[in-house]
Structures are given as structure tokens and as C-alpha cells.
PDB file of N, CA and C in Angstrom:
ATOM      1  N   MET A   1     -34.784 -14.705 -54.535  1.00  0.00           N
ATOM      2  CA  MET A   1     -33.529 -14.280 -53.953  1.00  0.00           C
ATOM      3  C   MET A   1     -32.493 -14.190 -55.061  1.00  0.00           C
ATOM      4  N   ASN A   2     -31.684 -13.197 -54.949  1.00  0.00           N
ATOM      5  CA  ASN A   2     -30.668 -12.958 -55.963  1.00  0.00           C
ATOM      6  C   ASN A   2     -29.585 -14.028 -55.852  1.00  0.00           C
ATOM      7  N   ALA A   3     -29.132 -14.551 -56.941  1.00  0.00           N
ATOM      8  CA  ALA A   3     -28.136 -15.628 -56.962  1.00  0.00           C
ATOM      9  C   ALA A   3     -26.773 -15.133 -56.491  1.00  0.00           C
ATOM     10  N   LYS A   4     -26.567 -13.858 -56.603  1.00  0.00           N
ATOM     11  CA  LYS A   4     -25.289 -13.287 -56.208  1.00  0.00           C
ATOM     12  C   LYS A   4     -25.066 -13.397 -54.694  1.00  0.00           C
ATOM     13  N   TRP A   5     -26.119 -13.301 -53.895  1.00  0.00           N
ATOM     14  CA  TRP A   5     -26.017 -13.311 -52.440  1.00  0.00           C
ATOM     15  C   TRP A   5     -26.179 -14.705 -51.831  1.00  0.00           C
ATOM     16  N   ARG A   6     -26.489 -15.668 -52.646  1.00  0.00           N
ATOM     17  CA  ARG A   6     -26.706 -17.016 -52.138  1.00  0.00           C
ATOM     18  C   ARG A   6     -25.371 -17.634 -51.718  1.00  0.00           C
ATOM     19  N   ILE A   7     -25.374 -18.282 -50.559  1.00  0.00           N
ATOM     20  CA  ILE A   7     -24.162 -18.943 -50.084  1.00  0.00           C
ATOM     21  C   ILE A   7     -24.015 -20.243 -50.844  1.00  0.00           C
ATOM     22  N   ARG A   8     -22.832 -20.438 -51.372  1.00  0.00           N
ATOM     23  CA  ARG A   8     -22.581 -21.653 -52.141  1.00  0.00           C
ATOM     24  C   ARG A   8     -21.578 -22.513 -51.384  1.00  0.00           C
ATOM     25  N   PHE A   9     -21.962 -23.708 -51.135  1.00  0.00           N
ATOM     26  CA  PHE A   9     -21.054 -24.661 -50.516  1.00  0.00           C
ATOM     27  C   PHE A   9     -20.447 -25.514 -51.603  1.00  0.00           C
ATOM     28  N   ARG A  10     -19.187 -25.402 -51.727  1.00  0.00           N
ATOM     29  CA  ARG A  10     -18.471 -26.211 -52.701  1.00  0.00           C
ATOM     30  C   ARG A  10     -17.739 -27.319 -51.968  1.00  0.00           C
ATOM     31  N   LEU A  11     -17.166 -28.210 -52.678  1.00  0.00           N
ATOM     32  CA  LEU A  11     -16.435 -29.320 -52.091  1.00  0.00           C
ATOM     33  C   LEU A  11     -15.220 -28.813 -51.316  1.00  0.00           C
ATOM     34  N   SER A  12     -14.547 -27.785 -51.850  1.00  0.00           N
ATOM     35  CA  SER A  12     -13.367 -27.261 -51.158  1.00  0.00           C
ATOM     36  C   SER A  12     -13.746 -26.629 -49.821  1.00  0.00           C
ATOM     37  N   SER A  13     -14.865 -25.924 -49.769  1.00  0.00           N
ATOM     38  CA  SER A  13     -15.282 -25.318 -48.504  1.00  0.00           C
ATOM     39  C   SER A  13     -15.720 -26.390 -47.513  1.00  0.00           C
ATOM     40  N   LEU A  14     -16.329 -27.458 -47.996  1.00  0.00           N
ATOM     41  CA  LEU A  14     -16.708 -28.554 -47.110  1.00  0.00           C
ATOM     42  C   LEU A  14     -15.481 -29.288 -46.577  1.00  0.00           C
ATOM     43  N   LEU A  15     -14.437 -29.378 -47.390  1.00  0.00           N
ATOM     44  CA  LEU A  15     -13.218 -30.034 -46.929  1.00  0.00           C
ATOM     45  C   LEU A  15     -12.448 -29.156 -45.935  1.00  0.00           C
ATOM     46  N   LEU A  16     -12.564 -27.849 -46.077  1.00  0.00           N
ATOM     47  CA  LEU A  16     -11.883 -26.940 -45.157  1.00  0.00           C
ATOM     48  C   LEU A  16     -12.625 -26.755 -43.832  1.00  0.00           C
ATOM     49  N   MET A  17     -13.887 -27.131 -43.787  1.00  0.00           N
ATOM     50  CA  MET A  17     -14.691 -26.914 -42.584  1.00  0.00           C
ATOM     51  C   MET A  17     -14.098 -27.602 -41.335  1.00  0.00           C
ATOM     52  N   PRO A  18     -13.689 -28.869 -41.378  1.00  0.00           N
ATOM     53  CA  PRO A  18     -13.098 -29.471 -40.169  1.00  0.00           C
ATOM     54  C   PRO A  18     -11.808 -28.780 -39.733  1.00  0.00           C
ATOM     55  N   ALA A  19     -11.002 -28.327 -40.689  1.00  0.00           N
ATOM     56  CA  ALA A  19      -9.769 -27.626 -40.338  1.00  0.00           C
ATOM     57  C   ALA A  19     -10.093 -26.296 -39.659  1.00  0.00           C
ATOM     58  N   MET A  20     -11.093 -25.597 -40.155  1.00  0.00           N
ATOM     59  CA  MET A  20     -11.481 -24.325 -39.544  1.00  0.00           C
ATOM     60  C   MET A  20     -12.009 -24.541 -38.123  1.00  0.00           C
ATOM     61  N   VAL A  21     -12.818 -25.582 -37.956  1.00  0.00           N
ATOM     62  CA  VAL A  21     -13.333 -25.892 -36.620  1.00  0.00           C
ATOM     63  C   VAL A  21     -12.181 -26.271 -35.687  1.00  0.00           C
ATOM     64  N   ALA A  22     -11.226 -27.054 -36.198  1.00  0.00           N
ATOM     65  CA  ALA A  22     -10.077 -27.464 -35.389  1.00  0.00           C
ATOM     66  C   ALA A  22      -9.243 -26.253 -34.988  1.00  0.00           C
ATOM     67  N   PHE A  23      -9.010 -25.325 -35.919  1.00  0.00           N
ATOM     68  CA  PHE A  23      -8.259 -24.114 -35.589  1.00  0.00           C
ATOM     69  C   PHE A  23      -9.009 -23.259 -34.565  1.00  0.00           C
ATOM     70  N   PHE A  24     -10.321 -23.180 -34.728  1.00  0.00           N
ATOM     71  CA  PHE A  24     -11.118 -22.422 -33.764  1.00  0.00           C
ATOM     72  C   PHE A  24     -11.004 -23.030 -32.367  1.00  0.00           C
ATOM     73  N   ILE A  25     -11.145 -24.345 -32.275  1.00  0.00           N
ATOM     74  CA  ILE A  25     -11.063 -25.021 -30.972  1.00  0.00           C
ATOM     75  C   ILE A  25      -9.662 -24.879 -30.379  1.00  0.00           C
ATOM     76  N   ALA A  26      -8.626 -24.994 -31.217  1.00  0.00           N
ATOM     77  CA  ALA A  26      -7.251 -24.850 -30.726  1.00  0.00           C
ATOM     78  C   ALA A  26      -7.017 -23.434 -30.188  1.00  0.00           C
ATOM     79  N   GLY A  27      -7.489 -22.431 -30.902  1.00  0.00           N
ATOM     80  CA  GLY A  27      -7.353 -21.050 -30.434  1.00  0.00           C
ATOM     81  C   GLY A  27      -8.125 -20.806 -29.154  1.00  0.00           C
ATOM     82  N   TRP A  28      -9.306 -21.379 -29.076  1.00  0.00           N
ATOM     83  CA  TRP A  28     -10.129 -21.218 -27.883  1.00  0.00           C
ATOM     84  C   TRP A  28      -9.455 -21.863 -26.672  1.00  0.00           C
ATOM     85  N   GLN A  29      -8.898 -23.059 -26.854  1.00  0.00           N
ATOM     86  CA  GLN A  29      -8.211 -23.729 -25.747  1.00  0.00           C
ATOM     87  C   GLN A  29      -6.939 -22.980 -25.349  1.00  0.00           C
ATOM     88  N   ALA A  30      -6.228 -22.439 -26.331  1.00  0.00           N
ATOM     89  CA  ALA A  30      -5.034 -21.646 -26.010  1.00  0.00           C
ATOM     90  C   ALA A  30      -5.420 -20.405 -25.211  1.00  0.00           C
ATOM     91  N   SER A  31      -6.525 -19.792 -25.592  1.00  0.00           N
ATOM     92  CA  SER A  31      -7.002 -18.618 -24.867  1.00  0.00           C
ATOM     93  C   SER A  31      -7.389 -18.998 -23.438  1.00  0.00           C
ATOM     94  N   ARG A  32      -8.084 -20.123 -23.286  1.00  0.00           N
ATOM     95  CA  ARG A  32      -8.446 -20.596 -21.944  1.00  0.00           C
ATOM     96  C   ARG A  32      -7.209 -20.881 -21.113  1.00  0.00           C
ATOM     97  N   TYR A  33      -6.189 -21.496 -21.711  1.00  0.00           N
ATOM     98  CA  TYR A  33      -4.948 -21.809 -21.005  1.00  0.00           C
ATOM     99  C   TYR A  33      -4.252 -20.524 -20.564  1.00  0.00           C
ATOM    100  N   GLN A  34      -4.214 -19.532 -21.459  1.00  0.00           N
ATOM    101  CA  GLN A  34      -3.569 -18.257 -21.124  1.00  0.00           C
ATOM    102  C   GLN A  34      -4.320 -17.550 -19.994  1.00  0.00           C
ATOM    103  N   ILE A  35      -5.641 -17.560 -20.063  1.00  0.00           N
ATOM    104  CA  ILE A  35      -6.438 -16.933 -19.007  1.00  0.00           C
ATOM    105  C   ILE A  35      -6.212 -17.646 -17.682  1.00  0.00           C
ATOM    106  N   ARG A  36      -6.152 -18.985 -17.706  1.00  0.00           N
ATOM    107  CA  ARG A  36      -5.911 -19.745 -16.479  1.00  0.00           C
ATOM    108  C   ARG A  36      -4.525 -19.451 -15.912  1.00  0.00           C
ATOM    109  N   GLN A  37      -3.518 -19.328 -16.798  1.00  0.00           N
ATOM    110  CA  GLN A  37      -2.166 -19.013 -16.333  1.00  0.00           C
ATOM    111  C   GLN A  37      -2.123 -17.630 -15.677  1.00  0.00           C
ATOM    112  N   GLU A  38      -2.778 -16.652 -16.290  1.00  0.00           N
ATOM    113  CA  GLU A  38      -2.825 -15.314 -15.700  1.00  0.00           C
ATOM    114  C   GLU A  38      -3.538 -15.339 -14.351  1.00  0.00           C
ATOM    115  N   TYR A  39      -4.618 -16.121 -14.265  1.00  0.00           N
ATOM    116  CA  TYR A  39      -5.344 -16.247 -13.003  1.00  0.00           C
ATOM    117  C   TYR A  39      -4.455 -16.868 -11.929  1.00  0.00           C
ATOM    118  N   GLU A  40      -3.716 -17.911 -12.280  1.00  0.00           N
ATOM    119  CA  GLU A  40      -2.820 -18.558 -11.313  1.00  0.00           C
ATOM    120  C   GLU A  40      -1.713 -17.599 -10.862  1.00  0.00           C
ATOM    121  N   GLN A  41      -1.185 -16.798 -11.801  1.00  0.00           N
ATOM    122  CA  GLN A  41      -0.153 -15.825 -11.436  1.00  0.00           C
ATOM    123  C   GLN A  41      -0.713 -14.771 -10.483  1.00  0.00           C
ATOM    124  N   GLN A  42      -1.909 -14.274 -10.786  1.00  0.00           N
ATOM    125  CA  GLN A  42      -2.527 -13.281  -9.907  1.00  0.00           C
ATOM    126  C   GLN A  42      -2.837 -13.874  -8.537  1.00  0.00           C
ATOM    127  N   LYS A  43      -3.273 -15.130  -8.526  1.00  0.00           N
ATOM    128  CA  LYS A  43      -3.568 -15.803  -7.265  1.00  0.00           C
ATOM    129  C   LYS A  43      -2.298 -15.978  -6.432  1.00  0.00           C
ATOM    130  N   ALA A  44      -1.189 -16.361  -7.081  1.00  0.00           N
ATOM    131  CA  ALA A  44       0.083 -16.520  -6.368  1.00  0.00           C
ATOM    132  C   ALA A  44       0.579 -15.169  -5.841  1.00  0.00           C
ATOM    133  N   ALA A  45       0.441 -14.114  -6.649  1.00  0.00           N
ATOM    134  CA  ALA A  45       0.863 -12.782  -6.204  1.00  0.00           C
ATOM    135  C   ALA A  45       0.010 -12.313  -5.022  1.00  0.00           C
ATOM    136  N   ALA A  46      -1.288 -12.586  -5.077  1.00  0.00           N
ATOM    137  CA  ALA A  46      -2.162 -12.208  -3.962  1.00  0.00           C
ATOM    138  C   ALA A  46      -1.792 -12.982  -2.701  1.00  0.00           C
ATOM    139  N   GLN A  47      -1.441 -14.254  -2.846  1.00  0.00           N
ATOM    140  CA  GLN A  47      -1.027 -15.051  -1.684  1.00  0.00           C
ATOM    141  C   GLN A  47       0.258 -14.484  -1.076  1.00  0.00           C
ATOM    142  N   LEU A  48       1.210 -14.082  -1.930  1.00  0.00           N
ATOM    143  CA  LEU A  48       2.450 -13.484  -1.425  1.00  0.00           C
ATOM    144  C   LEU A  48       2.172 -12.178  -0.686  1.00  0.00           C
ATOM    145  N   ARG A  49       1.300 -11.341  -1.268  1.00  0.00           N
ATOM    146  CA  ARG A  49       0.943 -10.086  -0.601  1.00  0.00           C
ATOM    147  C   ARG A  49       0.259 -10.359   0.740  1.00  0.00           C
ATOM    148  N   ARG A  50      -0.639 -11.350   0.753  1.00  0.00           N
ATOM    149  CA  ARG A  50      -1.339 -11.698   1.987  1.00  0.00           C
ATOM    150  C   ARG A  50      -0.353 -12.159   3.058  1.00  0.00           C
ATOM    151  N   GLU A  51       0.604 -13.012   2.673  1.00  0.00           N
ATOM    152  CA  GLU A  51       1.598 -13.485   3.639  1.00  0.00           C
ATOM    153  C   GLU A  51       2.466 -12.334   4.147  1.00  0.00           C
ATOM    154  N   GLU A  52       2.833 -11.416   3.237  1.00  0.00           N
ATOM    155  CA  GLU A  52       3.648 -10.271   3.648  1.00  0.00           C
ATOM    156  C   GLU A  52       2.883  -9.374   4.622  1.00  0.00           C
ATOM    157  N   ILE A  53       1.609  -9.135   4.326  1.00  0.00           N
ATOM    158  CA  ILE A  53       0.791  -8.295   5.201  1.00  0.00           C
ATOM    159  C   ILE A  53       0.626  -8.958   6.562  1.00  0.00           C
ATOM    160  N   PHE A  54       0.369 -10.277   6.568  1.00  0.00           N
ATOM    161  CA  PHE A  54       0.217 -10.973   7.848  1.00  0.00           C
ATOM    162  C   PHE A  54       1.509 -10.966   8.644  1.00  0.00           C
ATOM    163  N   SER A  55       2.655 -11.091   7.963  1.00  0.00           N
ATOM    164  CA  SER A  55       3.927 -11.047   8.692  1.00  0.00           C
ATOM    165  C   SER A  55       4.163  -9.651   9.274  1.00  0.00           C
ATOM    166  N   GLN A  56       3.816  -8.605   8.513  1.00  0.00           N
ATOM    167  CA  GLN A  56       3.955  -7.247   9.045  1.00  0.00           C
ATOM    168  C   GLN A  56       3.023  -7.019  10.234  1.00  0.00           C
ATOM    169  N   LEU A  57       1.789  -7.538  10.136  1.00  0.00           N
ATOM    170  CA  LEU A  57       0.860  -7.392  11.255  1.00  0.00           C
ATOM    171  C   LEU A  57       1.360  -8.140  12.487  1.00  0.00           C
ATOM    172  N   GLU A  58       1.913  -9.333  12.276  1.00  0.00           N
ATOM    173  CA  GLU A  58       2.455 -10.093  13.408  1.00  0.00           C
ATOM    174  C   GLU A  58       3.637  -9.362  14.037  1.00  0.00           C
ATOM    175  N   LEU A  59       4.483  -8.762  13.190  1.00  0.00           N
ATOM    176  CA  LEU A  59       5.605  -7.982  13.711  1.00  0.00           C
ATOM    177  C   LEU A  59       5.104  -6.795  14.529  1.00  0.00           C
ATOM    178  N   ARG A  60       4.094  -6.097  14.007  1.00  0.00           N
ATOM    179  CA  ARG A  60       3.537  -4.959  14.744  1.00  0.00           C
ATOM    180  C   ARG A  60       2.924  -5.402  16.063  1.00  0.00           C
ATOM    181  N   ARG A  61       2.217  -6.556  16.037  1.00  0.00           N
ATOM    182  CA  ARG A  61       1.635  -7.070  17.280  1.00  0.00           C
ATOM    183  C   ARG A  61       2.716  -7.394  18.299  1.00  0.00           C
ATOM    184  N   SER A  62       3.790  -8.026  17.837  1.00  0.00           N
ATOM    185  CA  SER A  62       4.855  -8.383  18.779  1.00  0.00           C
ATOM    186  C   SER A  62       5.533  -7.125  19.328  1.00  0.00           C
ATOM    187  N   ILE A  63       5.751  -6.122  18.465  1.00  0.00           N
ATOM    188  CA  ILE A  63       6.353  -4.864  18.934  1.00  0.00           C
ATOM    189  C   ILE A  63       5.427  -4.180  19.930  1.00  0.00           C
ATOM    190  N   ARG A  64       4.134  -4.162  19.604  1.00  0.00           N
ATOM    191  CA  ARG A  64       3.172  -3.533  20.514  1.00  0.00           C
ATOM    192  C   ARG A  64       3.139  -4.275  21.852  1.00  0.00           C
ATOM    193  N   GLY A  65       3.184  -5.604  21.802  1.00  0.00           N
ATOM    194  CA  GLY A  65       3.216  -6.383  23.041  1.00  0.00           C
ATOM    195  C   GLY A  65       4.475  -6.122  23.842  1.00  0.00           C
ATOM    196  N   ASP A  66       5.623  -6.028  23.143  1.00  0.00           N
ATOM    197  CA  ASP A  66       6.876  -5.727  23.842  1.00  0.00           C
ATOM    198  C   ASP A  66       6.834  -4.339  24.476  1.00  0.00           C
ATOM    199  N   LEU A  67       6.305  -3.363  23.740  1.00  0.00           N
ATOM    200  CA  LEU A  67       6.200  -2.011  24.299  1.00  0.00           C
ATOM    201  C   LEU A  67       5.265  -1.992  25.500  1.00  0.00           C
ATOM    202  N   TRP A  68       4.165  -2.738  25.395  1.00  0.00           N
ATOM    203  CA  TRP A  68       3.221  -2.812  26.504  1.00  0.00           C
ATOM    204  C   TRP A  68       3.892  -3.436  27.724  1.00  0.00           C
ATOM    205  N   GLN A  69       4.668  -4.510  27.497  1.00  0.00           N
ATOM    206  CA  GLN A  69       5.367  -5.160  28.606  1.00  0.00           C
ATOM    207  C   GLN A  69       6.414  -4.224  29.213  1.00  0.00           C
ATOM    208  N   MET A  70       7.126  -3.472  28.341  1.00  0.00           N
ATOM    209  CA  MET A  70       8.103  -2.507  28.857  1.00  0.00           C
ATOM    210  C   MET A  70       7.403  -1.437  29.683  1.00  0.00           C
ATOM    211  N   ASN A  71       6.232  -0.999  29.230  1.00  0.00           N
ATOM    212  CA  ASN A  71       5.478   0.004  29.968  1.00  0.00           C
ATOM    213  C   ASN A  71       5.071  -0.546  31.333  1.00  0.00           C
ATOM    214  N   ILE A  72       4.607  -1.797  31.353  1.00  0.00           N
ATOM    215  CA  ILE A  72       4.236  -2.412  32.633  1.00  0.00           C
ATOM    216  C   ILE A  72       5.456  -2.545  33.531  1.00  0.00           C
ATOM    217  N   ASP A  73       6.587  -2.972  32.941  1.00  0.00           N
ATOM    218  CA  ASP A  73       7.818  -3.090  33.732  1.00  0.00           C
ATOM    219  C   ASP A  73       8.243  -1.740  34.297  1.00  0.00           C
ATOM    220  N   ASN A  74       8.123  -0.700  33.480  1.00  0.00           N
ATOM    221  CA  ASN A  74       8.477   0.647  33.961  1.00  0.00           C
ATOM    222  C   ASN A  74       7.554   1.090  35.092  1.00  0.00           C
ATOM    223  N   LEU A  75       6.250   0.808  34.945  1.00  0.00           N
ATOM    224  CA  LEU A  75       5.319   1.169  36.016  1.00  0.00           C
ATOM    225  C   LEU A  75       5.634   0.404  37.299  1.00  0.00           C
ATOM    226  N   GLU A  76       5.959  -0.889  37.155  1.00  0.00           N
ATOM    227  CA  GLU A  76       6.319  -1.666  38.345  1.00  0.00           C
ATOM    228  C   GLU A  76       7.591  -1.125  38.992  1.00  0.00           C
ATOM    229  N   GLN A  77       8.570  -0.751  38.159  1.00  0.00           N
ATOM    230  CA  GLN A  77       9.813  -0.192  38.704  1.00  0.00           C
ATOM    231  C   GLN A  77       9.547   1.135  39.412  1.00  0.00           C
ATOM    232  N   GLN A  78       8.701   1.969  38.820  1.00  0.00           N
ATOM    233  CA  GLN A  78       8.356   3.238  39.466  1.00  0.00           C
ATOM    234  C   GLN A  78       7.661   2.991  40.802  1.00  0.00           C
ATOM    235  N   GLN A  79       6.764   1.993  40.816  1.00  0.00           N
ATOM    236  CA  GLN A  79       6.069   1.678  42.060  1.00  0.00           C
ATOM    237  C   GLN A  79       7.047   1.169  43.116  1.00  0.00           C
ATOM    238  N   ARG A  80       8.007   0.334  42.702  1.00  0.00           N
ATOM    239  CA  ARG A  80       9.023  -0.152  43.644  1.00  0.00           C
ATOM    240  C   ARG A  80       9.860   1.005  44.184  1.00  0.00           C
ATOM    241  N   MET A  81      10.235   1.929  43.291  1.00  0.00           N
ATOM    242  CA  MET A  81      11.052   3.064  43.734  1.00  0.00           C
ATOM    243  C   MET A  81      10.263   3.969  44.680  1.00  0.00           C
ATOM    244  N   LYS A  82       8.968   4.160  44.401  1.00  0.00           N
ATOM    245  CA  LYS A  82       8.145   4.962  45.313  1.00  0.00           C
ATOM    246  C   LYS A  82       8.048   4.291  46.680  1.00  0.00           C
ATOM    247  N   THR A  83       7.874   2.968  46.645  1.00  0.00           N
ATOM    248  CA  THR A  83       7.814   2.240  47.918  1.00  0.00           C
ATOM    249  C   THR A  83       9.138   2.354  48.658  1.00  0.00           C
ATOM    250  N   PHE A  84      10.236   2.198  47.926  1.00  0.00           N
ATOM    251  CA  PHE A  84      11.557   2.313  48.538  1.00  0.00           C
ATOM    252  C   PHE A  84      11.767   3.712  49.114  1.00  0.00           C
ATOM    253  N   ASP A  85      11.406   4.736  48.342  1.00  0.00           N
ATOM    254  CA  ASP A  85      11.548   6.115  48.837  1.00  0.00           C
ATOM    255  C   ASP A  85      10.687   6.348  50.069  1.00  0.00           C
ATOM    256  N   ARG A  86       9.467   5.808  50.043  1.00  0.00           N
ATOM    257  CA  ARG A  86       8.584   5.981  51.194  1.00  0.00           C
ATOM    258  C   ARG A  86       9.163   5.284  52.433  1.00  0.00           C
ATOM    259  N   LEU A  87       9.721   4.094  52.224  1.00  0.00           N
ATOM    260  CA  LEU A  87      10.347   3.396  53.351  1.00  0.00           C
ATOM    261  C   LEU A  87      11.575   4.138  53.857  1.00  0.00           C
ATOM    262  N   MET A  88      12.338   4.731  52.939  1.00  0.00           N
ATOM    263  CA  MET A  88      13.539   5.462  53.349  1.00  0.00           C
ATOM    264  C   MET A  88      13.185   6.765  54.064  1.00  0.00           C
ATOM    265  N   GLN A  89      12.032   7.338  53.733  1.00  0.00           N
ATOM    266  CA  GLN A  89      11.608   8.568  54.402  1.00  0.00           C
ATOM    267  C   GLN A  89      11.050   8.300  55.799  1.00  0.00           C
ATOM    268  N   ASP A  90      10.668   7.059  56.032  1.00  0.00           N
ATOM    269  CA  ASP A  90      10.122   6.709  57.347  1.00  0.00           C
ATOM    270  C   ASP A  90      11.256   6.691  58.371  1.00  0.00           C
ATOM    271  N   PRO A  91      11.154   7.468  59.454  1.00  0.00           N
ATOM    272  CA  PRO A  91      12.246   7.528  60.439  1.00  0.00           C
ATOM    273  C   PRO A  91      12.503   6.189  61.123  1.00  0.00           C
ATOM    274  N   ALA A  92      11.515   5.329  61.201  1.00  0.00           N
ATOM    275  CA  ALA A  92      11.707   4.042  61.871  1.00  0.00           C
ATOM    276  C   ALA A  92      12.604   3.114  61.057  1.00  0.00           C
ATOM    277  N   ASN A  93      12.661   3.288  59.741  1.00  0.00           N
ATOM    278  CA  ASN A  93      13.444   2.393  58.888  1.00  0.00           C
ATOM    279  C   ASN A  93      14.812   2.956  58.524  1.00  0.00           C
ATOM    280  N   ARG A  94      15.147   4.121  58.989  1.00  0.00           N
ATOM    281  CA  ARG A  94      16.410   4.746  58.569  1.00  0.00           C
ATOM    282  C   ARG A  94      17.623   3.987  59.065  1.00  0.00           C
ATOM    283  N   ASN A  95      17.527   3.385  60.191  1.00  0.00           N
ATOM    284  CA  ASN A  95      18.683   2.692  60.753  1.00  0.00           C
ATOM    285  C   ASN A  95      18.833   1.275  60.219  1.00  0.00           C
ATOM    286  N   LEU A  96      17.849   0.788  59.465  1.00  0.00           N
ATOM    287  CA  LEU A  96      17.925  -0.584  58.966  1.00  0.00           C
ATOM    288  C   LEU A  96      18.969  -0.735  57.867  1.00  0.00           C
ATOM    289  N   MET A  97      19.058   0.264  56.986  1.00  0.00           N
ATOM    290  CA  MET A  97      20.000   0.186  55.875  1.00  0.00           C
ATOM    291  C   MET A  97      20.819   1.466  55.837  1.00  0.00           C
ATOM    292  N   PRO A  98      21.937   1.493  56.545  1.00  0.00           N
ATOM    293  CA  PRO A  98      22.705   2.746  56.602  1.00  0.00           C
ATOM    294  C   PRO A  98      23.334   3.117  55.263  1.00  0.00           C
ATOM    295  N   GLU A  99      23.574   2.160  54.368  1.00  0.00           N
ATOM    296  CA  GLU A  99      24.220   2.508  53.089  1.00  0.00           C
ATOM    297  C   GLU A  99      23.300   3.288  52.160  1.00  0.00           C
ATOM    298  N   PHE A 100      21.967   3.256  52.423  1.00  0.00           N
ATOM    299  CA  PHE A 100      21.026   3.982  51.580  1.00  0.00           C
ATOM    300  C   PHE A 100      20.596   5.310  52.185  1.00  0.00           C
ATOM    301  N   ARG A 101      21.190   5.673  53.315  1.00  0.00           N
ATOM    302  CA  ARG A 101      20.784   6.932  53.953  1.00  0.00           C
ATOM    303  C   ARG A 101      21.271   8.127  53.150  1.00  0.00           C
ATOM    304  N   ASN A 102      20.535   9.220  53.279  1.00  0.00           N
ATOM    305  CA  ASN A 102      20.923  10.458  52.590  1.00  0.00           C
ATOM    306  C   ASN A 102      22.070  11.114  53.293  1.00  0.00           C
TER     307      ASN A 102
END
């Protein structure tokens, strides 16, 4: 093997080895911390979006329920008015309520 390509370990390189390992570990931990922080931020943003979507869905459900109840109330009112009109058209009931006569 050619001496030019041989790796030479000198005392200075051996003394720098723990510092290099320490810097590598510090960088790796900083990278892990940054990745964890980004993950926590994304998780918090997703939770906020989820809560907003659920609140919008609950609002839509309540509006739909209110509209459904209004529709039922309108149908009941129409049925009452039809019954009232039918009773008013009956000749036997005309004298019962003179204020509603035509």
C-alpha cells in the first residue's frame, strides 16, 4: 500500500477525537430538539384546525336542527290553519264564533 494514502493517527488527531464526537452528538441532539419542536407545533396547529372544524360542524348541526324544527312548526301551523278553515267552512260551527265569520 502506498504510504501517501495511509491514514495516520497523530497525537493531535487523537486529542481532537472526543471534541469531534461531542460536537457531533450536540448537533444531533439539537437537530432532534428542532424536529420535536416542529412536530409539536404541527400537532398544536392540527388540534386547532380540528377544534375549529368540529365547532363549525356543531354550528351547522344546530342550524340544521333549528331549521328542521321551524319546518315542523310551520307544518303544524299549516295543519292548524287547515283545521280551523275546515271548521269555519262547516255550517254547523258558523254560529259558535261570530267574530271569525266571513
